[in-house]
Amino acid sequence: MIRAELLKRGETIIGFTLEGHAGYDAAGKDVVCAAVSMLGINTVNAVEQFTEDLFSAESEEKKGRLSFRFLGDEISEKGRVLLDALALGLKGVQSEYGEKYLSMSIKEE
């Protein structure tokens, strides 16, 4: 199962951690893992490309782990929208495939 944790400050998502493997299908054929990985990696790349927000990101491929966090108190509107879009995408994957493959939680800072 993939565990997605969104880190929030008030109503603003300020970070996320994606960890684990869905187990929906064999490695290389798992559409749930592929979807969640694409959403996470694309979010990090989009924040880097389209904002000037400072952030930290780390990944561990073997563990299926990607973590991201904005640094500082100021987050651009684009940065907020990109993380809201990630949350929307993750909810869509969870709705389509179920909590058996993707669990989501929210952690307040």
PDB file of N, CA and C in Angstrom:
ATOM      1  N   MET A   1       0.832  -1.177   0.000  1.00  0.00           N
ATOM      2  CA  MET A   1       0.000   0.000   0.000  1.00  0.00           C
ATOM      3  C   MET A   1       0.884   1.250   0.000  1.00  0.00           C
ATOM      4  N   ILE A   2       0.436   2.256  -0.714  1.00  0.00           N
ATOM      5  CA  ILE A   2       1.112   3.555  -0.701  1.00  0.00           C
ATOM      6  C   ILE A   2       0.457   4.398   0.386  1.00  0.00           C
ATOM      7  N   ARG A   3       1.286   5.035   1.199  1.00  0.00           N
ATOM      8  CA  ARG A   3       0.800   5.944   2.218  1.00  0.00           C
ATOM      9  C   ARG A   3       1.143   7.363   1.777  1.00  0.00           C
ATOM     10  N   ALA A   4       0.114   8.179   1.647  1.00  0.00           N
ATOM     11  CA  ALA A   4       0.297   9.583   1.282  1.00  0.00           C
ATOM     12  C   ALA A   4      -0.067  10.424   2.491  1.00  0.00           C
ATOM     13  N   GLU A   5       0.873  11.247   2.916  1.00  0.00           N
ATOM     14  CA  GLU A   5       0.616  12.154   4.026  1.00  0.00           C
ATOM     15  C   GLU A   5       0.791  13.579   3.529  1.00  0.00           C
ATOM     16  N   LEU A   6      -0.251  14.378   3.701  1.00  0.00           N
ATOM     17  CA  LEU A   6      -0.192  15.788   3.342  1.00  0.00           C
ATOM     18  C   LEU A   6       0.060  16.575   4.614  1.00  0.00           C
ATOM     19  N   LEU A   7       1.018  17.464   4.571  1.00  0.00           N
ATOM     20  CA  LEU A   7       1.338  18.327   5.707  1.00  0.00           C
ATOM     21  C   LEU A   7       0.669  19.675   5.463  1.00  0.00           C
ATOM     22  N   LYS A   8      -0.140  20.100   6.429  1.00  0.00           N
ATOM     23  CA  LYS A   8      -0.880  21.351   6.268  1.00  0.00           C
ATOM     24  C   LYS A   8      -0.564  22.335   7.381  1.00  0.00           C
ATOM     25  N   ARG A   9      -0.633  23.598   7.028  1.00  0.00           N
ATOM     26  CA  ARG A   9      -0.598  24.703   7.990  1.00  0.00           C
ATOM     27  C   ARG A   9      -1.878  25.472   7.729  1.00  0.00           C
ATOM     28  N   GLY A  10      -2.835  25.329   8.624  1.00  0.00           N
ATOM     29  CA  GLY A  10      -4.150  25.916   8.377  1.00  0.00           C
ATOM     30  C   GLY A  10      -4.799  25.202   7.200  1.00  0.00           C
ATOM     31  N   GLU A  11      -5.195  25.967   6.201  1.00  0.00           N
ATOM     32  CA  GLU A  11      -5.817  25.386   5.009  1.00  0.00           C
ATOM     33  C   GLU A  11      -4.811  25.147   3.882  1.00  0.00           C
ATOM     34  N   THR A  12      -3.547  25.475   4.125  1.00  0.00           N
ATOM     35  CA  THR A  12      -2.536  25.401   3.071  1.00  0.00           C
ATOM     36  C   THR A  12      -1.703  24.132   3.190  1.00  0.00           C
ATOM     37  N   ILE A  13      -1.595  23.393   2.098  1.00  0.00           N
ATOM     38  CA  ILE A  13      -0.713  22.229   2.055  1.00  0.00           C
ATOM     39  C   ILE A  13       0.711  22.743   1.894  1.00  0.00           C
ATOM     40  N   ILE A  14       1.587  22.386   2.818  1.00  0.00           N
ATOM     41  CA  ILE A  14       2.957  22.886   2.773  1.00  0.00           C
ATOM     42  C   ILE A  14       3.969  21.773   2.487  1.00  0.00           C
ATOM     43  N   GLY A  15       3.478  20.543   2.357  1.00  0.00           N
ATOM     44  CA  GLY A  15       4.382  19.451   2.052  1.00  0.00           C
ATOM     45  C   GLY A  15       3.638  18.142   1.912  1.00  0.00           C
ATOM     46  N   PHE A  16       4.379  17.115   1.526  1.00  0.00           N
ATOM     47  CA  PHE A  16       3.781  15.791   1.401  1.00  0.00           C
ATOM     48  C   PHE A  16       4.863  14.728   1.476  1.00  0.00           C
ATOM     49  N   THR A  17       4.443  13.526   1.836  1.00  0.00           N
ATOM     50  CA  THR A  17       5.290  12.341   1.774  1.00  0.00           C
ATOM     51  C   THR A  17       4.479  11.236   1.114  1.00  0.00           C
ATOM     52  N   LEU A  18       5.068  10.586   0.129  1.00  0.00           N
ATOM     53  CA  LEU A  18       4.488   9.418  -0.517  1.00  0.00           C
ATOM     54  C   LEU A  18       5.442   8.272  -0.235  1.00  0.00           C
ATOM     55  N   GLU A  19       4.911   7.159   0.280  1.00  0.00           N
ATOM     56  CA  GLU A  19       5.803   6.065   0.639  1.00  0.00           C
ATOM     57  C   GLU A  19       5.118   4.722   0.445  1.00  0.00           C
ATOM     58  N   GLY A  20       5.880   3.783  -0.088  1.00  0.00           N
ATOM     59  CA  GLY A  20       5.401   2.419  -0.240  1.00  0.00           C
ATOM     60  C   GLY A  20       5.108   2.066  -1.688  1.00  0.00           C
ATOM     61  N   HIS A  21       4.622   0.863  -1.856  1.00  0.00           N
ATOM     62  CA  HIS A  21       4.261   0.355  -3.184  1.00  0.00           C
ATOM     63  C   HIS A  21       2.825  -0.132  -3.112  1.00  0.00           C
ATOM     64  N   ALA A  22       2.057   0.138  -4.143  1.00  0.00           N
ATOM     65  CA  ALA A  22       0.625  -0.153  -4.115  1.00  0.00           C
ATOM     66  C   ALA A  22       0.330  -1.644  -4.044  1.00  0.00           C
ATOM     67  N   GLY A  23       1.057  -2.439  -4.797  1.00  0.00           N
ATOM     68  CA  GLY A  23       0.760  -3.862  -4.841  1.00  0.00           C
ATOM     69  C   GLY A  23      -0.456  -4.182  -5.687  1.00  0.00           C
ATOM     70  N   TYR A  24      -0.848  -3.267  -6.543  1.00  0.00           N
ATOM     71  CA  TYR A  24      -1.996  -3.480  -7.425  1.00  0.00           C
ATOM     72  C   TYR A  24      -1.683  -4.498  -8.510  1.00  0.00           C
ATOM     73  N   ASP A  25      -0.425  -4.470  -8.987  1.00  0.00           N
ATOM     74  CA  ASP A  25       0.021  -5.393 -10.037  1.00  0.00           C
ATOM     75  C   ASP A  25       1.532  -5.577  -9.874  1.00  0.00           C
ATOM     76  N   ALA A  26       2.108  -6.376 -10.733  1.00  0.00           N
ATOM     77  CA  ALA A  26       3.546  -6.628 -10.692  1.00  0.00           C
ATOM     78  C   ALA A  26       4.326  -5.340 -10.959  1.00  0.00           C
ATOM     79  N   ALA A  27       5.555  -5.298 -10.445  1.00  0.00           N
ATOM     80  CA  ALA A  27       6.434  -4.149 -10.691  1.00  0.00           C
ATOM     81  C   ALA A  27       6.546  -3.915 -12.190  1.00  0.00           C
ATOM     82  N   GLY A  28       6.447  -2.680 -12.582  1.00  0.00           N
ATOM     83  CA  GLY A  28       6.501  -2.326 -13.997  1.00  0.00           C
ATOM     84  C   GLY A  28       5.143  -2.334 -14.672  1.00  0.00           C
ATOM     85  N   LYS A  29       4.142  -2.902 -14.002  1.00  0.00           N
ATOM     86  CA  LYS A  29       2.781  -2.952 -14.547  1.00  0.00           C
ATOM     87  C   LYS A  29       1.761  -2.328 -13.600  1.00  0.00           C
ATOM     88  N   ASP A  30       2.236  -1.818 -12.474  1.00  0.00           N
ATOM     89  CA  ASP A  30       1.340  -1.311 -11.429  1.00  0.00           C
ATOM     90  C   ASP A  30       0.902   0.115 -11.768  1.00  0.00           C
ATOM     91  N   VAL A  31      -0.332   0.257 -12.263  1.00  0.00           N
ATOM     92  CA  VAL A  31      -0.830   1.568 -12.678  1.00  0.00           C
ATOM     93  C   VAL A  31      -1.050   2.500 -11.492  1.00  0.00           C
ATOM     94  N   VAL A  32      -1.334   1.947 -10.318  1.00  0.00           N
ATOM     95  CA  VAL A  32      -1.522   2.801  -9.144  1.00  0.00           C
ATOM     96  C   VAL A  32      -0.185   3.419  -8.741  1.00  0.00           C
ATOM     97  N   CYS A  33       0.858   2.599  -8.668  1.00  0.00           N
ATOM     98  CA  CYS A  33       2.201   3.137  -8.368  1.00  0.00           C
ATOM     99  C   CYS A  33       2.616   4.165  -9.411  1.00  0.00           C
ATOM    100  N   ALA A  34       2.376   3.858 -10.658  1.00  0.00           N
ATOM    101  CA  ALA A  34       2.752   4.776 -11.735  1.00  0.00           C
ATOM    102  C   ALA A  34       2.016   6.108 -11.602  1.00  0.00           C
ATOM    103  N   ALA A  35       0.731   6.052 -11.320  1.00  0.00           N
ATOM    104  CA  ALA A  35      -0.057   7.280 -11.203  1.00  0.00           C
ATOM    105  C   ALA A  35       0.413   8.139 -10.028  1.00  0.00           C
ATOM    106  N   VAL A  36       0.602   7.504  -8.876  1.00  0.00           N
ATOM    107  CA  VAL A  36       1.014   8.248  -7.688  1.00  0.00           C
ATOM    108  C   VAL A  36       2.426   8.803  -7.874  1.00  0.00           C
ATOM    109  N   SER A  37       3.316   8.009  -8.445  1.00  0.00           N
ATOM    110  CA  SER A  37       4.680   8.483  -8.705  1.00  0.00           C
ATOM    111  C   SER A  37       4.677   9.673  -9.642  1.00  0.00           C
ATOM    112  N   MET A  38       3.897   9.576 -10.706  1.00  0.00           N
ATOM    113  CA  MET A  38       3.828  10.671 -11.673  1.00  0.00           C
ATOM    114  C   MET A  38       3.277  11.940 -11.027  1.00  0.00           C
ATOM    115  N   LEU A  39       2.241  11.796 -10.229  1.00  0.00           N
ATOM    116  CA  LEU A  39       1.676  12.970  -9.561  1.00  0.00           C
ATOM    117  C   LEU A  39       2.710  13.635  -8.653  1.00  0.00           C
ATOM    118  N   GLY A  40       3.410  12.839  -7.856  1.00  0.00           N
ATOM    119  CA  GLY A  40       4.399  13.398  -6.931  1.00  0.00           C
ATOM    120  C   GLY A  40       5.575  14.047  -7.633  1.00  0.00           C
ATOM    121  N   ILE A  41       6.162  13.327  -8.571  1.00  0.00           N
ATOM    122  CA  ILE A  41       7.334  13.851  -9.291  1.00  0.00           C
ATOM    123  C   ILE A  41       6.957  15.075 -10.107  1.00  0.00           C
ATOM    124  N   ASN A  42       5.802  15.035 -10.759  1.00  0.00           N
ATOM    125  CA  ASN A  42       5.370  16.185 -11.547  1.00  0.00           C
ATOM    126  C   ASN A  42       5.133  17.409 -10.664  1.00  0.00           C
ATOM    127  N   THR A  43       4.615  17.190  -9.466  1.00  0.00           N
ATOM    128  CA  THR A  43       4.394  18.313  -8.549  1.00  0.00           C
ATOM    129  C   THR A  43       5.715  18.967  -8.174  1.00  0.00           C
ATOM    130  N   VAL A  44       6.706  18.167  -7.807  1.00  0.00           N
ATOM    131  CA  VAL A  44       8.020  18.712  -7.454  1.00  0.00           C
ATOM    132  C   VAL A  44       8.609  19.466  -8.649  1.00  0.00           C
ATOM    133  N   ASN A  45       8.566  18.857  -9.819  1.00  0.00           N
ATOM    134  CA  ASN A  45       9.117  19.506 -11.017  1.00  0.00           C
ATOM    135  C   ASN A  45       8.371  20.791 -11.358  1.00  0.00           C
ATOM    136  N   ALA A  46       7.054  20.799 -11.204  1.00  0.00           N
ATOM    137  CA  ALA A  46       6.263  21.988 -11.525  1.00  0.00           C
ATOM    138  C   ALA A  46       6.549  23.124 -10.550  1.00  0.00           C
ATOM    139  N   VAL A  47       6.677  22.806  -9.264  1.00  0.00           N
ATOM    140  CA  VAL A  47       7.017  23.849  -8.284  1.00  0.00           C
ATOM    141  C   VAL A  47       8.374  24.444  -8.629  1.00  0.00           C
ATOM    142  N   GLU A  48       9.326  23.594  -8.985  1.00  0.00           N
ATOM    143  CA  GLU A  48      10.662  24.076  -9.343  1.00  0.00           C
ATOM    144  C   GLU A  48      10.628  24.931 -10.609  1.00  0.00           C
ATOM    145  N   GLN A  49       9.856  24.517 -11.593  1.00  0.00           N
ATOM    146  CA  GLN A  49       9.821  25.191 -12.899  1.00  0.00           C
ATOM    147  C   GLN A  49       8.994  26.476 -12.890  1.00  0.00           C
ATOM    148  N   PHE A  50       7.868  26.473 -12.182  1.00  0.00           N
ATOM    149  CA  PHE A  50       6.900  27.558 -12.329  1.00  0.00           C
ATOM    150  C   PHE A  50       6.799  28.503 -11.147  1.00  0.00           C
ATOM    151  N   THR A  51       7.577  28.251 -10.079  1.00  0.00           N
ATOM    152  CA  THR A  51       7.547  29.159  -8.936  1.00  0.00           C
ATOM    153  C   THR A  51       8.974  29.500  -8.527  1.00  0.00           C
ATOM    154  N   GLU A  52       9.076  30.453  -7.654  1.00  0.00           N
ATOM    155  CA  GLU A  52      10.365  30.778  -7.047  1.00  0.00           C
ATOM    156  C   GLU A  52      10.381  30.356  -5.579  1.00  0.00           C
ATOM    157  N   ASP A  53       9.408  29.524  -5.199  1.00  0.00           N
ATOM    158  CA  ASP A  53       9.306  29.049  -3.826  1.00  0.00           C
ATOM    159  C   ASP A  53      10.514  28.185  -3.469  1.00  0.00           C
ATOM    160  N   LEU A  54      10.981  28.335  -2.250  1.00  0.00           N
ATOM    161  CA  LEU A  54      12.061  27.490  -1.749  1.00  0.00           C
ATOM    162  C   LEU A  54      11.456  26.218  -1.167  1.00  0.00           C
ATOM    163  N   PHE A  55      12.102  25.083  -1.424  1.00  0.00           N
ATOM    164  CA  PHE A  55      11.590  23.817  -0.925  1.00  0.00           C
ATOM    165  C   PHE A  55      12.717  22.814  -0.773  1.00  0.00           C
ATOM    166  N   SER A  56      12.429  21.754  -0.054  1.00  0.00           N
ATOM    167  CA  SER A  56      13.340  20.615   0.002  1.00  0.00           C
ATOM    168  C   SER A  56      12.575  19.405  -0.499  1.00  0.00           C
ATOM    169  N   ALA A  57      13.288  18.518  -1.176  1.00  0.00           N
ATOM    170  CA  ALA A  57      12.678  17.282  -1.685  1.00  0.00           C
ATOM    171  C   ALA A  57      13.705  16.169  -1.588  1.00  0.00           C
ATOM    172  N   GLU A  58      13.243  14.991  -1.220  1.00  0.00           N
ATOM    173  CA  GLU A  58      14.108  13.814  -1.121  1.00  0.00           C
ATOM    174  C   GLU A  58      13.356  12.617  -1.669  1.00  0.00           C
ATOM    175  N   SER A  59      14.112  11.698  -2.274  1.00  0.00           N
ATOM    176  CA  SER A  59      13.486  10.467  -2.749  1.00  0.00           C
ATOM    177  C   SER A  59      14.378   9.271  -2.445  1.00  0.00           C
ATOM    178  N   GLU A  60      13.740   8.138  -2.239  1.00  0.00           N
ATOM    179  CA  GLU A  60      14.412   6.858  -2.041  1.00  0.00           C
ATOM    180  C   GLU A  60      13.654   5.850  -2.902  1.00  0.00           C
ATOM    181  N   GLU A  61      14.199   5.555  -4.056  1.00  0.00           N
ATOM    182  CA  GLU A  61      13.491   4.730  -5.033  1.00  0.00           C
ATOM    183  C   GLU A  61      13.135   3.342  -4.500  1.00  0.00           C
ATOM    184  N   LYS A  62      14.062   2.684  -3.821  1.00  0.00           N
ATOM    185  CA  LYS A  62      13.791   1.320  -3.336  1.00  0.00           C
ATOM    186  C   LYS A  62      12.623   1.275  -2.346  1.00  0.00           C
ATOM    187  N   LYS A  63      12.522   2.296  -1.508  1.00  0.00           N
ATOM    188  CA  LYS A  63      11.435   2.358  -0.539  1.00  0.00           C
ATOM    189  C   LYS A  63      10.161   2.933  -1.152  1.00  0.00           C
ATOM    190  N   GLY A  64      10.277   3.434  -2.376  1.00  0.00           N
ATOM    191  CA  GLY A  64       9.124   4.076  -2.979  1.00  0.00           C
ATOM    192  C   GLY A  64       8.732   5.312  -2.187  1.00  0.00           C
ATOM    193  N   ARG A  65       9.736   6.122  -1.835  1.00  0.00           N
ATOM    194  CA  ARG A  65       9.491   7.283  -0.956  1.00  0.00           C
ATOM    195  C   ARG A  65       9.871   8.579  -1.658  1.00  0.00           C
ATOM    196  N   LEU A  66       8.961   9.550  -1.577  1.00  0.00           N
ATOM    197  CA  LEU A  66       9.207  10.900  -2.068  1.00  0.00           C
ATOM    198  C   LEU A  66       8.646  11.855  -1.034  1.00  0.00           C
ATOM    199  N   SER A  67       9.484  12.769  -0.572  1.00  0.00           N
ATOM    200  CA  SER A  67       9.007  13.772   0.380  1.00  0.00           C
ATOM    201  C   SER A  67       9.333  15.159  -0.159  1.00  0.00           C
ATOM    202  N   PHE A  68       8.472  16.100   0.167  1.00  0.00           N
ATOM    203  CA  PHE A  68       8.568  17.478  -0.317  1.00  0.00           C
ATOM    204  C   PHE A  68       8.053  18.385   0.790  1.00  0.00           C
ATOM    205  N   ARG A  69       8.712  19.541   0.929  1.00  0.00           N
ATOM    206  CA  ARG A  69       8.240  20.526   1.906  1.00  0.00           C
ATOM    207  C   ARG A  69       8.689  21.915   1.470  1.00  0.00           C
ATOM    208  N   PHE A  70       7.750  22.848   1.498  1.00  0.00           N
ATOM    209  CA  PHE A  70       8.117  24.241   1.275  1.00  0.00           C
ATOM    210  C   PHE A  70       8.945  24.712   2.453  1.00  0.00           C
ATOM    211  N   LEU A  71       9.907  25.571   2.191  1.00  0.00           N
ATOM    212  CA  LEU A  71      10.733  26.175   3.232  1.00  0.00           C
ATOM    213  C   LEU A  71      10.278  27.610   3.451  1.00  0.00           C
ATOM    214  N   GLY A  72      10.266  28.052   4.662  1.00  0.00           N
ATOM    215  CA  GLY A  72       9.851  29.411   4.959  1.00  0.00           C
ATOM    216  C   GLY A  72       8.341  29.526   5.092  1.00  0.00           C
ATOM    217  N   ASP A  73       7.914  30.743   5.363  1.00  0.00           N
ATOM    218  CA  ASP A  73       6.489  30.988   5.604  1.00  0.00           C
ATOM    219  C   ASP A  73       5.732  31.453   4.370  1.00  0.00           C
ATOM    220  N   GLU A  74       6.427  31.973   3.386  1.00  0.00           N
ATOM    221  CA  GLU A  74       5.774  32.508   2.200  1.00  0.00           C
ATOM    222  C   GLU A  74       5.705  31.462   1.095  1.00  0.00           C
ATOM    223  N   ILE A  75       4.497  31.158   0.653  1.00  0.00           N
ATOM    224  CA  ILE A  75       4.284  30.218  -0.444  1.00  0.00           C
ATOM    225  C   ILE A  75       3.460  30.948  -1.497  1.00  0.00           C
ATOM    226  N   SER A  76       3.918  30.905  -2.727  1.00  0.00           N
ATOM    227  CA  SER A  76       3.223  31.600  -3.800  1.00  0.00           C
ATOM    228  C   SER A  76       1.866  30.972  -4.083  1.00  0.00           C
ATOM    229  N   GLU A  77       1.011  31.734  -4.728  1.00  0.00           N
ATOM    230  CA  GLU A  77      -0.294  31.217  -5.137  1.00  0.00           C
ATOM    231  C   GLU A  77      -0.120  30.012  -6.060  1.00  0.00           C
ATOM    232  N   LYS A  78       0.839  30.085  -6.989  1.00  0.00           N
ATOM    233  CA  LYS A  78       1.096  28.950  -7.889  1.00  0.00           C
ATOM    234  C   LYS A  78       1.510  27.714  -7.095  1.00  0.00           C
ATOM    235  N   GLY A  79       2.362  27.905  -6.110  1.00  0.00           N
ATOM    236  CA  GLY A  79       2.797  26.787  -5.281  1.00  0.00           C
ATOM    237  C   GLY A  79       1.630  26.149  -4.549  1.00  0.00           C
ATOM    238  N   ARG A  80       0.740  26.986  -4.017  1.00  0.00           N
ATOM    239  CA  ARG A  80      -0.441  26.454  -3.313  1.00  0.00           C
ATOM    240  C   ARG A  80      -1.346  25.691  -4.275  1.00  0.00           C
ATOM    241  N   VAL A  81      -1.546  26.236  -5.455  1.00  0.00           N
ATOM    242  CA  VAL A  81      -2.405  25.573  -6.446  1.00  0.00           C
ATOM    243  C   VAL A  81      -1.801  24.236  -6.872  1.00  0.00           C
ATOM    244  N   LEU A  82      -0.498  24.189  -7.061  1.00  0.00           N
ATOM    245  CA  LEU A  82       0.137  22.936  -7.476  1.00  0.00           C
ATOM    246  C   LEU A  82      -0.017  21.842  -6.415  1.00  0.00           C
ATOM    247  N   LEU A  83       0.112  22.190  -5.143  1.00  0.00           N
ATOM    248  CA  LEU A  83      -0.083  21.172  -4.105  1.00  0.00           C
ATOM    249  C   LEU A  83      -1.550  20.802  -3.927  1.00  0.00           C
ATOM    250  N   ASP A  84      -2.448  21.763  -4.139  1.00  0.00           N
ATOM    251  CA  ASP A  84      -3.878  21.426  -4.143  1.00  0.00           C
ATOM    252  C   ASP A  84      -4.197  20.472  -5.290  1.00  0.00           C
ATOM    253  N   ALA A  85      -3.561  20.677  -6.444  1.00  0.00           N
ATOM    254  CA  ALA A  85      -3.769  19.792  -7.595  1.00  0.00           C
ATOM    255  C   ALA A  85      -3.236  18.388  -7.294  1.00  0.00           C
ATOM    256  N   LEU A  86      -2.113  18.289  -6.605  1.00  0.00           N
ATOM    257  CA  LEU A  86      -1.600  16.984  -6.183  1.00  0.00           C
ATOM    258  C   LEU A  86      -2.629  16.272  -5.306  1.00  0.00           C
ATOM    259  N   ALA A  87      -3.163  16.984  -4.313  1.00  0.00           N
ATOM    260  CA  ALA A  87      -4.155  16.387  -3.415  1.00  0.00           C
ATOM    261  C   ALA A  87      -5.380  15.913  -4.196  1.00  0.00           C
ATOM    262  N   LEU A  88      -5.821  16.700  -5.146  1.00  0.00           N
ATOM    263  CA  LEU A  88      -6.959  16.317  -5.986  1.00  0.00           C
ATOM    264  C   LEU A  88      -6.652  15.049  -6.774  1.00  0.00           C
ATOM    265  N   GLY A  89      -5.476  14.984  -7.359  1.00  0.00           N
ATOM    266  CA  GLY A  89      -5.076  13.798  -8.119  1.00  0.00           C
ATOM    267  C   GLY A  89      -4.988  12.557  -7.256  1.00  0.00           C
ATOM    268  N   LEU A  90      -4.411  12.695  -6.067  1.00  0.00           N
ATOM    269  CA  LEU A  90      -4.303  11.554  -5.155  1.00  0.00           C
ATOM    270  C   LEU A  90      -5.685  11.069  -4.728  1.00  0.00           C
ATOM    271  N   LYS A  91      -6.591  12.014  -4.442  1.00  0.00           N
ATOM    272  CA  LYS A  91      -7.954  11.627  -4.069  1.00  0.00           C
ATOM    273  C   LYS A  91      -8.636  10.893  -5.219  1.00  0.00           C
ATOM    274  N   GLY A  92      -8.363  11.319  -6.441  1.00  0.00           N
ATOM    275  CA  GLY A  92      -8.928  10.643  -7.604  1.00  0.00           C
ATOM    276  C   GLY A  92      -8.429   9.217  -7.746  1.00  0.00           C
ATOM    277  N   VAL A  93      -7.129   9.015  -7.550  1.00  0.00           N
ATOM    278  CA  VAL A  93      -6.563   7.662  -7.610  1.00  0.00           C
ATOM    279  C   VAL A  93      -7.166   6.802  -6.507  1.00  0.00           C
ATOM    280  N   GLN A  94      -7.253   7.348  -5.303  1.00  0.00           N
ATOM    281  CA  GLN A  94      -7.820   6.600  -4.185  1.00  0.00           C
ATOM    282  C   GLN A  94      -9.283   6.252  -4.449  1.00  0.00           C
ATOM    283  N   SER A  95     -10.022   7.183  -4.999  1.00  0.00           N
ATOM    284  CA  SER A  95     -11.431   6.934  -5.313  1.00  0.00           C
ATOM    285  C   SER A  95     -11.587   5.836  -6.364  1.00  0.00           C
ATOM    286  N   GLU A  96     -10.712   5.830  -7.345  1.00  0.00           N
ATOM    287  CA  GLU A  96     -10.786   4.862  -8.442  1.00  0.00           C
ATOM    288  C   GLU A  96     -10.338   3.466  -8.013  1.00  0.00           C
ATOM    289  N   TYR A  97      -9.267   3.379  -7.219  1.00  0.00           N
ATOM    290  CA  TYR A  97      -8.670   2.079  -6.905  1.00  0.00           C
ATOM    291  C   TYR A  97      -8.868   1.626  -5.458  1.00  0.00           C
ATOM    292  N   GLY A  98      -9.192   2.539  -4.575  1.00  0.00           N
ATOM    293  CA  GLY A  98      -9.517   2.174  -3.207  1.00  0.00           C
ATOM    294  C   GLY A  98      -8.394   2.363  -2.201  1.00  0.00           C
ATOM    295  N   GLU A  99      -8.796   2.386  -0.938  1.00  0.00           N
ATOM    296  CA  GLU A  99      -7.855   2.588   0.165  1.00  0.00           C
ATOM    297  C   GLU A  99      -6.945   1.386   0.379  1.00  0.00           C
ATOM    298  N   LYS A 100      -7.275   0.267  -0.225  1.00  0.00           N
ATOM    299  CA  LYS A 100      -6.413  -0.917  -0.135  1.00  0.00           C
ATOM    300  C   LYS A 100      -5.047  -0.639  -0.769  1.00  0.00           C
ATOM    301  N   TYR A 101      -5.023   0.242  -1.765  1.00  0.00           N
ATOM    302  CA  TYR A 101      -3.795   0.528  -2.503  1.00  0.00           C
ATOM    303  C   TYR A 101      -3.195   1.895  -2.179  1.00  0.00           C
ATOM    304  N   LEU A 102      -4.033   2.840  -1.718  1.00  0.00           N
ATOM    305  CA  LEU A 102      -3.558   4.192  -1.411  1.00  0.00           C
ATOM    306  C   LEU A 102      -4.316   4.723  -0.207  1.00  0.00           C
ATOM    307  N   SER A 103      -3.595   4.913   0.896  1.00  0.00           N
ATOM    308  CA  SER A 103      -4.208   5.538   2.079  1.00  0.00           C
ATOM    309  C   SER A 103      -3.706   6.983   2.161  1.00  0.00           C
ATOM    310  N   MET A 104      -4.577   7.862   2.587  1.00  0.00           N
ATOM    311  CA  MET A 104      -4.201   9.266   2.696  1.00  0.00           C
ATOM    312  C   MET A 104      -4.478   9.770   4.106  1.00  0.00           C
ATOM    313  N   SER A 105      -3.578  10.614   4.581  1.00  0.00           N
ATOM    314  CA  SER A 105      -3.783  11.255   5.884  1.00  0.00           C
ATOM    315  C   SER A 105      -3.299  12.696   5.802  1.00  0.00           C
ATOM    316  N   ILE A 106      -3.763  13.478   6.752  1.00  0.00           N
ATOM    317  CA  ILE A 106      -3.364  14.878   6.835  1.00  0.00           C
ATOM    318  C   ILE A 106      -2.730  15.092   8.190  1.00  0.00           C
ATOM    319  N   LYS A 107      -1.586  15.739   8.184  1.00  0.00           N
ATOM    320  CA  LYS A 107      -0.885  16.071   9.424  1.00  0.00           C
ATOM    321  C   LYS A 107      -0.835  17.593   9.526  1.00  0.00           C
ATOM    322  N   GLU A 108      -1.305  18.112  10.632  1.00  0.00           N
ATOM    323  CA  GLU A 108      -1.251  19.557  10.873  1.00  0.00           C
ATOM    324  C   GLU A 108       0.090  19.929  11.457  1.00  0.00           C
ATOM    325  N   GLU A 109       0.656  21.006  10.971  1.00  0.00           N
ATOM    326  CA  GLU A 109       1.922  21.491  11.525  1.00  0.00           C
ATOM    327  C   GLU A 109       1.672  22.283  12.768  1.00  0.00           C
TER     328      GLU A 109
END
